[in-house]
Amino acid sequence: MNQYGWQRTDLGGGSFLPKVNMSRPWSPAPTQAMVAGPMTMGGRAAMGATMGKTAQEWYEAAGEAIRRYEFLLGQVDEIGSNSAIDAIELWLGDVGVEGTPAYRYNAVRYNYITTVAAEGVGAYNVRRRQSRVRELQEFNDEFTDSIERALQEYGTRRTVTTPGEAPEGADLTLPIIGAGAAVVLAIALLA
């Protein structure tokens, strides 16, 4: 043991690994709490980052976060200001730049589709994947707030109408006269 209370342990290497000296802190004999196993909440092991969720619940949360991100992405084009759209797209970033919402979405989507196909839903027992889902959920909350603020400030780009319904205040006199003239001309040519 050295002056800081660390024990030196010699870990022997295998046939292809060299011997490694590793330091670890000295620890007392295990207490009853240490050997009792993980605490439980609602019948599930409380494993820190899992917050009591099962792998299936993490998988479902990932799917929900992906769908929400994609929905929000479609809402960006409805904002009535190009500068607001540009600001949101700049915030979203690029899928190749780590730490951006686009990168996080891409990682969660990859895990949701590819990793689960290879490993099953149990792939969400890995805390890194759970953290990615949580981060995407947090980005989605910020994304929602940004879109709502932009829509309140700038409105929407266009008004959605049902097919066959004229927008409010539209004067249809000329189109109706033009359509009538086309019908009369077609009848005259066929006769």
Protein backbone atom coordinates (compact mmCIF):
# COMPACT_ATOMS: atom_id res chain seq x y z
CA MET A 1 0.00 0.00 0.00
CA ASN A 2 1.34 3.44 -0.82
CA GLN A 3 0.98 6.70 1.11
CA TYR A 4 -2.45 7.42 -0.43
CA GLY A 5 -4.04 4.16 0.72
CA TRP A 6 -3.96 2.49 -2.71
CA GLN A 7 -3.00 -1.15 -3.02
CA ARG A 8 -0.96 -2.28 -5.98
CA THR A 9 -2.28 -5.43 -7.61
CA ASP A 10 -0.42 -7.42 -10.20
CA LEU A 11 -2.77 -8.66 -12.90
CA GLY A 12 -1.15 -11.44 -14.87
CA GLY A 13 -1.59 -11.29 -18.58
CA GLY A 14 -2.69 -14.05 -20.92
CA SER A 15 -0.47 -15.56 -23.57
CA PHE A 16 -0.69 -12.48 -25.78
CA LEU A 17 -1.07 -9.74 -23.14
CA PRO A 18 1.78 -8.33 -21.06
CA LYS A 19 1.48 -8.16 -17.29
CA VAL A 20 -0.23 -4.98 -16.10
CA ASN A 21 0.13 -3.31 -12.70
CA MET A 22 -3.14 -1.72 -11.67
CA SER A 23 -3.88 0.43 -8.65
CA ARG A 24 -7.18 0.24 -6.83
CA PRO A 25 -8.39 1.83 -3.63
CA TRP A 26 -8.33 -0.20 -0.45
CA SER A 27 -11.81 -1.21 0.59
CA PRO A 28 -13.14 -2.60 3.85
CA ALA A 29 -14.86 -5.93 4.14
CA PRO A 30 -18.21 -5.90 2.31
CA THR A 31 -21.16 -4.72 4.38
CA GLN A 32 -24.59 -6.32 4.43
CA ALA A 33 -25.90 -3.57 2.13
CA MET A 34 -23.21 -4.38 -0.43
CA VAL A 35 -24.04 -8.07 -0.56
CA ALA A 36 -27.82 -7.71 -0.40
CA GLY A 37 -27.97 -6.95 -4.14
CA PRO A 38 -29.61 -4.09 -5.99
CA MET A 39 -32.49 -2.23 -4.37
CA THR A 40 -35.84 -2.72 -5.99
CA MET A 41 -38.56 -0.27 -6.93
CA GLY A 42 -41.92 -1.67 -7.88
CA GLY A 43 -40.49 -5.16 -8.38
CA ARG A 44 -37.75 -3.96 -10.74
CA ALA A 45 -34.09 -3.58 -9.99
CA ALA A 46 -33.12 0.05 -9.45
CA MET A 47 -30.01 0.13 -11.60
CA GLY A 48 -29.17 3.81 -11.59
CA ALA A 49 -29.61 5.03 -15.16
CA THR A 50 -32.45 2.60 -15.93
CA MET A 51 -34.72 4.42 -13.50
CA GLY A 52 -36.70 1.23 -13.07
CA LYS A 53 -37.57 0.78 -16.75
CA THR A 54 -37.33 -2.55 -18.52
CA ALA A 55 -35.57 -3.02 -21.85
CA GLN A 56 -38.99 -3.22 -23.54
CA GLU A 57 -40.01 0.12 -22.03
CA TRP A 58 -36.73 1.71 -23.20
CA TYR A 59 -37.35 0.29 -26.68
CA GLU A 60 -40.85 1.81 -26.74
CA ALA A 61 -39.50 5.14 -25.44
CA ALA A 62 -36.91 5.13 -28.23
CA GLY A 63 -39.61 4.56 -30.87
CA GLU A 64 -41.72 7.36 -29.41
CA ALA A 65 -38.73 9.76 -29.34
CA ILE A 66 -37.90 8.93 -32.98
CA ARG A 67 -41.49 9.49 -34.15
CA ARG A 68 -41.70 12.76 -32.22
CA TYR A 69 -38.43 14.05 -33.72
CA GLU A 70 -39.61 13.19 -37.24
CA PHE A 71 -42.97 14.90 -36.64
CA LEU A 72 -41.22 18.02 -35.32
CA LEU A 73 -38.86 18.01 -38.29
CA GLY A 74 -41.90 18.16 -40.58
CA GLN A 75 -43.26 21.12 -38.60
CA VAL A 76 -40.16 23.25 -39.26
CA ASP A 77 -41.18 23.97 -42.86
CA GLU A 78 -44.52 25.37 -41.66
CA ILE A 79 -42.86 28.27 -39.82
CA GLY A 80 -43.56 31.60 -41.52
CA SER A 81 -40.00 32.95 -41.33
CA ASN A 82 -36.98 31.72 -43.26
CA SER A 83 -34.61 33.13 -40.64
CA ALA A 84 -36.42 31.19 -37.88
CA ILE A 85 -36.25 28.03 -40.00
CA ASP A 86 -32.52 28.60 -40.58
CA ALA A 87 -31.93 29.11 -36.84
CA ILE A 88 -33.71 25.86 -35.95
CA GLU A 89 -31.89 23.92 -38.68
CA LEU A 90 -28.58 25.32 -37.42
CA TRP A 91 -29.45 24.17 -33.89
CA LEU A 92 -30.40 20.69 -35.18
CA GLY A 93 -26.93 20.40 -36.70
CA ASP A 94 -25.54 17.65 -38.86
CA VAL A 95 -25.85 13.90 -38.30
CA GLY A 96 -22.06 13.66 -38.54
CA VAL A 97 -21.40 16.14 -35.71
CA GLU A 98 -21.48 14.51 -32.28
CA GLY A 99 -23.57 16.30 -29.67
CA THR A 100 -26.15 17.73 -32.07
CA PRO A 101 -29.82 16.74 -32.00
CA ALA A 102 -29.49 15.31 -35.53
CA TYR A 103 -26.59 13.11 -34.43
CA ARG A 104 -28.51 11.89 -31.37
CA TYR A 105 -31.60 11.15 -33.49
CA ASN A 106 -29.47 9.19 -35.94
CA ALA A 107 -27.85 7.15 -33.14
CA VAL A 108 -31.17 6.33 -31.47
CA ARG A 109 -32.75 5.41 -34.81
CA TYR A 110 -29.79 3.17 -35.68
CA ASN A 111 -30.10 1.38 -32.32
CA TYR A 112 -33.88 1.11 -32.71
CA ILE A 113 -33.70 -0.49 -36.14
CA THR A 114 -30.33 -2.16 -36.65
CA THR A 115 -29.10 -3.02 -33.17
CA VAL A 116 -32.44 -4.39 -31.99
CA ALA A 117 -32.69 -6.47 -35.16
CA ALA A 118 -29.30 -8.03 -34.37
CA GLU A 119 -29.49 -8.29 -30.56
CA GLY A 120 -33.19 -8.12 -29.72
CA VAL A 121 -34.96 -5.70 -27.39
CA GLY A 122 -32.47 -6.63 -24.66
CA ALA A 123 -30.07 -4.26 -26.40
CA TYR A 124 -31.75 -1.53 -24.35
CA ASN A 125 -30.31 -3.00 -21.14
CA VAL A 126 -27.13 -1.10 -22.09
CA ARG A 127 -27.04 2.22 -20.24
CA ARG A 128 -25.38 4.04 -23.14
CA ARG A 129 -28.43 3.32 -25.31
CA GLN A 130 -30.76 4.43 -22.51
CA SER A 131 -28.78 7.67 -22.18
CA ARG A 132 -29.13 8.29 -25.90
CA VAL A 133 -32.89 7.89 -25.67
CA ARG A 134 -33.05 10.26 -22.70
CA GLU A 135 -30.93 12.84 -24.55
CA LEU A 136 -33.16 12.63 -27.64
CA GLN A 137 -36.22 13.12 -25.43
CA GLU A 138 -34.60 16.23 -23.94
CA PHE A 139 -33.70 17.53 -27.42
CA ASN A 140 -37.30 16.91 -28.51
CA ASP A 141 -38.55 19.05 -25.61
CA GLU A 142 -36.25 21.91 -26.67
CA PHE A 143 -37.21 21.34 -30.32
CA THR A 144 -40.93 21.57 -29.44
CA ASP A 145 -40.38 24.80 -27.52
CA SER A 146 -38.42 26.33 -30.41
CA ILE A 147 -41.11 25.48 -32.95
CA GLU A 148 -43.92 26.75 -30.72
CA ARG A 149 -42.12 30.07 -30.11
CA ALA A 150 -41.42 30.49 -33.84
CA LEU A 151 -45.02 29.69 -34.79
CA GLN A 152 -46.34 32.16 -32.21
CA GLU A 153 -43.99 34.87 -33.41
CA TYR A 154 -44.10 34.31 -37.20
CA GLY A 155 -47.21 32.22 -37.82
CA THR A 156 -47.42 29.52 -40.46
CA ARG A 157 -46.17 29.63 -44.01
CA ARG A 158 -49.46 28.55 -45.57
CA THR A 159 -53.06 27.89 -44.61
CA VAL A 160 -54.16 24.29 -44.93
CA THR A 161 -57.53 23.83 -46.63
CA THR A 162 -59.51 20.75 -47.47
CA PRO A 163 -59.58 19.70 -51.13
CA GLY A 164 -62.30 21.48 -53.09
CA GLU A 165 -62.61 24.24 -50.52
CA ALA A 166 -61.55 27.76 -51.45
CA PRO A 167 -59.38 29.69 -49.04
CA GLU A 168 -61.18 32.41 -47.11
CA GLY A 169 -61.55 35.64 -49.08
CA ALA A 170 -60.66 34.08 -52.45
CA ASP A 171 -62.39 35.55 -55.50
CA LEU A 172 -63.37 32.64 -57.76
CA THR A 173 -65.09 34.71 -60.46
CA LEU A 174 -62.31 34.48 -63.05
CA PRO A 175 -61.60 30.76 -62.62
CA ILE A 176 -65.31 29.94 -62.95
CA ILE A 177 -65.65 32.07 -66.11
CA GLY A 178 -62.49 30.47 -67.54
CA ALA A 179 -63.76 26.94 -66.83
CA GLY A 180 -67.13 27.78 -68.43
CA ALA A 181 -65.39 29.14 -71.53
CA ALA A 182 -63.29 25.97 -71.79
CA VAL A 183 -66.43 23.79 -71.65
CA VAL A 184 -68.17 25.87 -74.33
CA LEU A 185 -65.07 25.69 -76.57
CA ALA A 186 -64.81 21.90 -76.12
CA ILE A 187 -68.48 21.43 -77.05
CA ALA A 188 -68.05 23.66 -80.12
CA LEU A 189 -65.03 21.68 -81.31
CA LEU A 190 -66.75 18.31 -80.89
CA ALA A 191 -69.87 19.39 -82.75
